Amino acid sequence: MNRFITLQTPHGSLHGQLDLPDTPCGLVLIARAHHVAEDVAISSSFAEFGFATLTMELLTAQEVQFPDATQNVPRLTQRLIDILDMTRKDGDMEQLPLAIYTSGDVGPAAIRAAALRDTLIRAVACHGGLIDRAGGQALDLLVAPLLMLFDAADLIGKTAYQRATSHLGGVHVTQSVTMGEDPAAIAATWFFDIFSG
């Protein structure tokens, strides 16, 4: 089953899509600043492992026009919190264990949201991103296992991760993504192991 999702915010509407197999093993929130062409392929990677996916944009159509909008970690965090809370009130999603998959600038907000909703989030996977921008308090509070996926050339992201590790008390692992590898498939395998454990 596929459903289009709309979430109203004081600044405009956020849009997304729920892809729900017959007997999902869990729900992966694919958090994006805005929709990109590869969203369908990412969703398919998780579907192969039996996950439902909720692909949500975190910026309104107007906000996307501003290049620095993705740097507003507090706003993106609040949007993620609102989306997570919405899943707990939706009959198709409310019973499904949750994980977050994201990339780039949304990473710090995903860490903060997972820390603030620690009883909801089973795992977080970030493909790149400067996760130290989540702040020491959020990193300290994060209890969900964290997978960091890095492209070989992403030295800035790796350095940011090293800065963050002094605050990370829970499970946190890294994996390199080689040319041609699908980071979503790596995350799906990791989520599946956690959800099955």
C-alpha atoms as a PDB file:
ATOM      1  CA  MET A   1       0.000   0.000   0.000  1.00  0.00           C
ATOM      2  CA  ASN A   2       1.187   3.515  -0.811  1.00  0.00           C
ATOM      3  CA  ARG A   3      -0.117   6.688   0.799  1.00  0.00           C
ATOM      4  CA  PHE A   4       0.788  10.317   0.371  1.00  0.00           C
ATOM      5  CA  ILE A   5       1.357  12.089   3.675  1.00  0.00           C
ATOM      6  CA  THR A   6       1.001  15.821   4.383  1.00  0.00           C
ATOM      7  CA  LEU A   7       2.068  17.444   7.639  1.00  0.00           C
ATOM      8  CA  GLN A   8       1.088  21.045   8.308  1.00  0.00           C
ATOM      9  CA  THR A   9       3.613  23.363   9.970  1.00  0.00           C
ATOM     10  CA  PRO A  10       3.393  27.070  10.847  1.00  0.00           C
ATOM     11  CA  HIS A  11       5.616  27.715   7.810  1.00  0.00           C
ATOM     12  CA  GLY A  12       3.790  25.559   5.273  1.00  0.00           C
ATOM     13  CA  SER A  13       3.183  21.937   4.331  1.00  0.00           C
ATOM     14  CA  LEU A  14       5.628  19.060   4.375  1.00  0.00           C
ATOM     15  CA  HIS A  15       4.994  16.184   2.007  1.00  0.00           C
ATOM     16  CA  GLY A  16       5.960  12.557   1.997  1.00  0.00           C
ATOM     17  CA  GLN A  17       5.032   9.050   0.989  1.00  0.00           C
ATOM     18  CA  LEU A  18       4.377   5.933   3.029  1.00  0.00           C
ATOM     19  CA  ASP A  19       5.200   2.610   1.366  1.00  0.00           C
ATOM     20  CA  LEU A  20       3.710  -0.218   3.388  1.00  0.00           C
ATOM     21  CA  PRO A  21       4.219  -3.920   2.593  1.00  0.00           C
ATOM     22  CA  ASP A  22       1.750  -6.499   3.852  1.00  0.00           C
ATOM     23  CA  THR A  23       3.687  -7.573   6.949  1.00  0.00           C
ATOM     24  CA  PRO A  24       6.425  -4.995   7.613  1.00  0.00           C
ATOM     25  CA  CYS A  25       9.151  -5.803  10.130  1.00  0.00           C
ATOM     26  CA  GLY A  26       9.516  -2.124  11.013  1.00  0.00           C
ATOM     27  CA  LEU A  27       9.281   1.436   9.727  1.00  0.00           C
ATOM     28  CA  VAL A  28      12.220   3.430   8.380  1.00  0.00           C
ATOM     29  CA  LEU A  29      11.785   7.190   8.330  1.00  0.00           C
ATOM     30  CA  ILE A  30      13.819   8.441   5.366  1.00  0.00           C
ATOM     31  CA  ALA A  31      14.375  12.062   6.353  1.00  0.00           C
ATOM     32  CA  ARG A  32      15.300  14.476   3.591  1.00  0.00           C
ATOM     33  CA  ALA A  33      15.600  18.263   3.428  1.00  0.00           C
ATOM     34  CA  HIS A  34      13.699  17.952   0.139  1.00  0.00           C
ATOM     35  CA  HIS A  35      12.796  15.152  -2.238  1.00  0.00           C
ATOM     36  CA  VAL A  36      15.448  13.912  -4.639  1.00  0.00           C
ATOM     37  CA  ALA A  37      15.272  11.490  -7.543  1.00  0.00           C
ATOM     38  CA  GLU A  38      17.004   8.641  -5.681  1.00  0.00           C
ATOM     39  CA  ASP A  39      14.333   8.535  -2.958  1.00  0.00           C
ATOM     40  CA  VAL A  40      12.489   5.765  -4.829  1.00  0.00           C
ATOM     41  CA  ALA A  41      15.620   3.620  -5.054  1.00  0.00           C
ATOM     42  CA  ILE A  42      16.396   4.210  -1.362  1.00  0.00           C
ATOM     43  CA  SER A  43      12.887   3.185  -0.367  1.00  0.00           C
ATOM     44  CA  SER A  44      13.195   0.054  -2.525  1.00  0.00           C
ATOM     45  CA  SER A  45      16.429  -0.938  -0.768  1.00  0.00           C
ATOM     46  CA  PHE A  46      14.626  -1.006   2.576  1.00  0.00           C
ATOM     47  CA  ALA A  47      11.543  -2.695   1.087  1.00  0.00           C
ATOM     48  CA  GLU A  48      13.720  -5.648   0.025  1.00  0.00           C
ATOM     49  CA  PHE A  49      14.316  -6.334   3.722  1.00  0.00           C
ATOM     50  CA  GLY A  50      10.617  -6.069   4.578  1.00  0.00           C
ATOM     51  CA  PHE A  51      10.623  -2.536   5.952  1.00  0.00           C
ATOM     52  CA  ALA A  52       7.858  -0.018   5.511  1.00  0.00           C
ATOM     53  CA  THR A  53       9.277   3.395   4.596  1.00  0.00           C
ATOM     54  CA  LEU A  54       8.079   6.918   5.235  1.00  0.00           C
ATOM     55  CA  THR A  55       9.980   9.317   2.989  1.00  0.00           C
ATOM     56  CA  MET A  56       9.443  12.839   4.313  1.00  0.00           C
ATOM     57  CA  GLU A  57      10.767  16.227   3.279  1.00  0.00           C
ATOM     58  CA  LEU A  58      11.728  18.542   6.128  1.00  0.00           C
ATOM     59  CA  LEU A  59      11.593  21.843   4.250  1.00  0.00           C
ATOM     60  CA  THR A  60       8.571  23.563   2.755  1.00  0.00           C
ATOM     61  CA  ALA A  61       8.523  24.526  -0.926  1.00  0.00           C
ATOM     62  CA  GLN A  62       9.392  28.098   0.017  1.00  0.00           C
ATOM     63  CA  GLU A  63      12.228  27.164   2.399  1.00  0.00           C
ATOM     64  CA  VAL A  64      13.935  25.030  -0.249  1.00  0.00           C
ATOM     65  CA  GLN A  65      14.750  28.274  -2.111  1.00  0.00           C
ATOM     66  CA  PHE A  66      17.157  29.328   0.668  1.00  0.00           C
ATOM     67  CA  PRO A  67      20.554  27.572   0.518  1.00  0.00           C
ATOM     68  CA  ASP A  68      21.146  27.855   4.278  1.00  0.00           C
ATOM     69  CA  ALA A  69      17.763  26.368   5.263  1.00  0.00           C
ATOM     70  CA  THR A  70      19.354  22.946   5.723  1.00  0.00           C
ATOM     71  CA  GLN A  71      21.673  24.419   8.365  1.00  0.00           C
ATOM     72  CA  ASN A  72      18.843  25.219  10.777  1.00  0.00           C
ATOM     73  CA  VAL A  73      19.299  22.206  13.060  1.00  0.00           C
ATOM     74  CA  PRO A  74      16.664  23.248  15.654  1.00  0.00           C
ATOM     75  CA  ARG A  75      13.978  23.683  12.976  1.00  0.00           C
ATOM     76  CA  LEU A  76      14.805  20.401  11.233  1.00  0.00           C
ATOM     77  CA  THR A  77      14.831  18.650  14.608  1.00  0.00           C
ATOM     78  CA  GLN A  78      11.381  19.958  15.483  1.00  0.00           C
ATOM     79  CA  ARG A  79      10.074  18.841  12.095  1.00  0.00           C
ATOM     80  CA  LEU A  80      11.468  15.361  12.703  1.00  0.00           C
ATOM     81  CA  ILE A  81       9.899  15.256  16.169  1.00  0.00           C
ATOM     82  CA  ASP A  82       6.542  16.242  14.678  1.00  0.00           C
ATOM     83  CA  ILE A  83       6.841  13.505  12.052  1.00  0.00           C
ATOM     84  CA  LEU A  84       7.826  10.880  14.627  1.00  0.00           C
ATOM     85  CA  ASP A  85       4.906  11.855  16.839  1.00  0.00           C
ATOM     86  CA  MET A  86       2.587  11.681  13.828  1.00  0.00           C
ATOM     87  CA  THR A  87       3.618   8.074  13.136  1.00  0.00           C
ATOM     88  CA  ARG A  88       2.501   7.105  16.650  1.00  0.00           C
ATOM     89  CA  LYS A  89      -1.001   8.434  15.919  1.00  0.00           C
ATOM     90  CA  ASP A  90      -1.408   6.831  12.489  1.00  0.00           C
ATOM     91  CA  GLY A  91      -3.148   3.463  12.347  1.00  0.00           C
ATOM     92  CA  ASP A  92      -0.872   2.140   9.610  1.00  0.00           C
ATOM     93  CA  MET A  93       2.356   3.084  11.422  1.00  0.00           C
ATOM     94  CA  GLU A  94       1.733   3.367  15.154  1.00  0.00           C
ATOM     95  CA  GLN A  95       2.699  -0.208  16.076  1.00  0.00           C
ATOM     96  CA  LEU A  96       5.819  -0.448  13.915  1.00  0.00           C
ATOM     97  CA  PRO A  97       9.271  -0.163  15.515  1.00  0.00           C
ATOM     98  CA  LEU A  98      11.094   2.863  14.139  1.00  0.00           C
ATOM     99  CA  ALA A  99      14.476   3.664  12.632  1.00  0.00           C
ATOM    100  CA  ILE A 100      15.768   6.820  10.949  1.00  0.00           C
ATOM    101  CA  TYR A 101      17.849   6.918   7.766  1.00  0.00           C
ATOM    102  CA  THR A 102      19.214  10.204   6.521  1.00  0.00           C
ATOM    103  CA  SER A 103      22.106  11.823   4.728  1.00  0.00           C
ATOM    104  CA  GLY A 104      24.070  15.039   4.632  1.00  0.00           C
ATOM    105  CA  ASP A 105      22.780  18.106   6.446  1.00  0.00           C
ATOM    106  CA  VAL A 106      19.864  16.307   8.117  1.00  0.00           C
ATOM    107  CA  GLY A 107      22.215  14.083  10.151  1.00  0.00           C
ATOM    108  CA  PRO A 108      22.575  16.392  13.184  1.00  0.00           C
ATOM    109  CA  ALA A 109      18.793  16.861  13.405  1.00  0.00           C
ATOM    110  CA  ALA A 110      18.279  13.087  13.206  1.00  0.00           C
ATOM    111  CA  ILE A 111      20.645  12.627  16.167  1.00  0.00           C
ATOM    112  CA  ARG A 112      18.806  15.261  18.201  1.00  0.00           C
ATOM    113  CA  ALA A 113      15.383  13.839  17.363  1.00  0.00           C
ATOM    114  CA  ALA A 114      16.485  10.306  18.265  1.00  0.00           C
ATOM    115  CA  ALA A 115      17.883  11.570  21.564  1.00  0.00           C
ATOM    116  CA  LEU A 116      14.639  13.396  22.380  1.00  0.00           C
ATOM    117  CA  ARG A 117      12.481  10.403  21.417  1.00  0.00           C
ATOM    118  CA  ASP A 118      14.794   7.757  22.817  1.00  0.00           C
ATOM    119  CA  THR A 119      11.998   5.297  23.660  1.00  0.00           C
ATOM    120  CA  LEU A 120      10.750   5.349  20.046  1.00  0.00           C
ATOM    121  CA  ILE A 121      13.874   5.057  17.915  1.00  0.00           C
ATOM    122  CA  ARG A 122      15.501   1.645  17.609  1.00  0.00           C
ATOM    123  CA  ALA A 123      18.407   2.747  15.386  1.00  0.00           C
ATOM    124  CA  VAL A 124      19.795   5.641  13.327  1.00  0.00           C
ATOM    125  CA  ALA A 125      21.874   5.508  10.137  1.00  0.00           C
ATOM    126  CA  CYS A 126      23.458   8.604   8.605  1.00  0.00           C
ATOM    127  CA  HIS A 127      25.171   8.737   5.221  1.00  0.00           C
ATOM    128  CA  GLY A 128      27.695  11.492   5.794  1.00  0.00           C
ATOM    129  CA  GLY A 129      26.870  14.743   7.542  1.00  0.00           C
ATOM    130  CA  LEU A 130      28.533  16.735  10.299  1.00  0.00           C
ATOM    131  CA  ILE A 131      26.945  14.961  13.249  1.00  0.00           C
ATOM    132  CA  ASP A 132      28.933  16.932  15.827  1.00  0.00           C
ATOM    133  CA  ARG A 133      26.578  19.824  14.964  1.00  0.00           C
ATOM    134  CA  ALA A 134      23.903  17.935  16.908  1.00  0.00           C
ATOM    135  CA  GLY A 135      25.647  19.226  20.043  1.00  0.00           C
ATOM    136  CA  GLY A 136      27.226  17.470  22.989  1.00  0.00           C
ATOM    137  CA  GLN A 137      24.003  17.171  24.972  1.00  0.00           C
ATOM    138  CA  ALA A 138      22.138  15.326  22.209  1.00  0.00           C
ATOM    139  CA  LEU A 139      25.110  13.079  21.505  1.00  0.00           C
ATOM    140  CA  ASP A 140      25.368  12.285  25.226  1.00  0.00           C
ATOM    141  CA  LEU A 141      21.664  11.392  25.378  1.00  0.00           C
ATOM    142  CA  LEU A 142      21.575   9.232  22.244  1.00  0.00           C
ATOM    143  CA  VAL A 143      20.800   5.631  23.196  1.00  0.00           C
ATOM    144  CA  ALA A 144      19.800   4.281  19.764  1.00  0.00           C
ATOM    145  CA  PRO A 145      22.619   2.449  17.958  1.00  0.00           C
ATOM    146  CA  LEU A 146      24.212   4.713  15.343  1.00  0.00           C
ATOM    147  CA  LEU A 147      25.636   3.683  11.976  1.00  0.00           C
ATOM    148  CA  MET A 148      27.740   6.260  10.149  1.00  0.00           C
ATOM    149  CA  LEU A 149      28.322   5.629   6.460  1.00  0.00           C
ATOM    150  CA  PHE A 150      31.125   7.558   4.794  1.00  0.00           C
ATOM    151  CA  ASP A 151      32.157   7.927   1.175  1.00  0.00           C
ATOM    152  CA  ALA A 152      35.897   7.456   0.754  1.00  0.00           C
ATOM    153  CA  ALA A 153      36.549  11.150   0.053  1.00  0.00           C
ATOM    154  CA  ASP A 154      34.377  12.475   2.917  1.00  0.00           C
ATOM    155  CA  LEU A 155      37.220  13.612   5.168  1.00  0.00           C
ATOM    156  CA  ILE A 156      35.172  16.457   6.666  1.00  0.00           C
ATOM    157  CA  GLY A 157      32.407  14.085   7.734  1.00  0.00           C
ATOM    158  CA  LYS A 158      34.882  11.622   9.225  1.00  0.00           C
ATOM    159  CA  THR A 159      36.559  14.408  11.205  1.00  0.00           C
ATOM    160  CA  ALA A 160      33.176  15.584  12.526  1.00  0.00           C
ATOM    161  CA  TYR A 161      32.403  12.018  13.590  1.00  0.00           C
ATOM    162  CA  GLN A 162      35.710  11.778  15.461  1.00  0.00           C
ATOM    163  CA  ARG A 163      34.820  14.968  17.335  1.00  0.00           C
ATOM    164  CA  ALA A 164      31.431  13.478  18.230  1.00  0.00           C
ATOM    165  CA  THR A 165      32.716  10.131  19.526  1.00  0.00           C
ATOM    166  CA  SER A 166      33.768  11.533  22.900  1.00  0.00           C
ATOM    167  CA  HIS A 167      30.069  12.141  23.610  1.00  0.00           C
ATOM    168  CA  LEU A 168      28.687   8.909  22.175  1.00  0.00           C
ATOM    169  CA  GLY A 169      28.171   6.393  24.967  1.00  0.00           C
ATOM    170  CA  GLY A 170      26.015   3.917  23.089  1.00  0.00           C
ATOM    171  CA  VAL A 171      26.712   1.634  20.156  1.00  0.00           C
ATOM    172  CA  HIS A 172      28.210   3.555  17.249  1.00  0.00           C
ATOM    173  CA  VAL A 173      29.886   2.053  14.211  1.00  0.00           C
ATOM    174  CA  THR A 174      31.238   3.335  10.920  1.00  0.00           C
ATOM    175  CA  GLN A 175      31.443   1.801   7.490  1.00  0.00           C
ATOM    176  CA  SER A 176      32.998   3.032   4.276  1.00  0.00           C
ATOM    177  CA  VAL A 177      30.842   3.170   1.170  1.00  0.00           C
ATOM    178  CA  THR A 178      32.840   2.235  -1.897  1.00  0.00           C
ATOM    179  CA  MET A 179      32.081   3.462  -5.383  1.00  0.00           C
ATOM    180  CA  GLY A 180      28.955   1.738  -6.684  1.00  0.00           C
ATOM    181  CA  GLU A 181      27.788   0.523  -3.280  1.00  0.00           C
ATOM    182  CA  ASP A 182      24.269   1.384  -2.117  1.00  0.00           C
ATOM    183  CA  PRO A 183      24.424   3.033   1.331  1.00  0.00           C
ATOM    184  CA  ALA A 184      20.709   2.396   1.888  1.00  0.00           C
ATOM    185  CA  ALA A 185      21.228  -1.345   1.348  1.00  0.00           C
ATOM    186  CA  ILE A 186      24.033  -1.315   3.932  1.00  0.00           C
ATOM    187  CA  ALA A 187      21.766   0.507   6.384  1.00  0.00           C
ATOM    188  CA  ALA A 188      18.878  -1.886   5.649  1.00  0.00           C
ATOM    189  CA  THR A 189      21.044  -4.897   6.472  1.00  0.00           C
ATOM    190  CA  TRP A 190      22.161  -3.254   9.716  1.00  0.00           C
ATOM    191  CA  PHE A 191      18.604  -2.257  10.702  1.00  0.00           C
ATOM    192  CA  PHE A 192      17.351  -5.771   9.951  1.00  0.00           C
ATOM    193  CA  ASP A 193      19.960  -7.302  12.268  1.00  0.00           C
ATOM    194  CA  ILE A 194      19.007  -4.898  15.067  1.00  0.00           C
ATOM    195  CA  PHE A 195      15.271  -5.396  14.630  1.00  0.00           C
ATOM    196  CA  SER A 196      15.704  -9.174  14.514  1.00  0.00           C
ATOM    197  CA  GLY A 197      17.974  -9.311  17.554  1.00  0.00           C
END
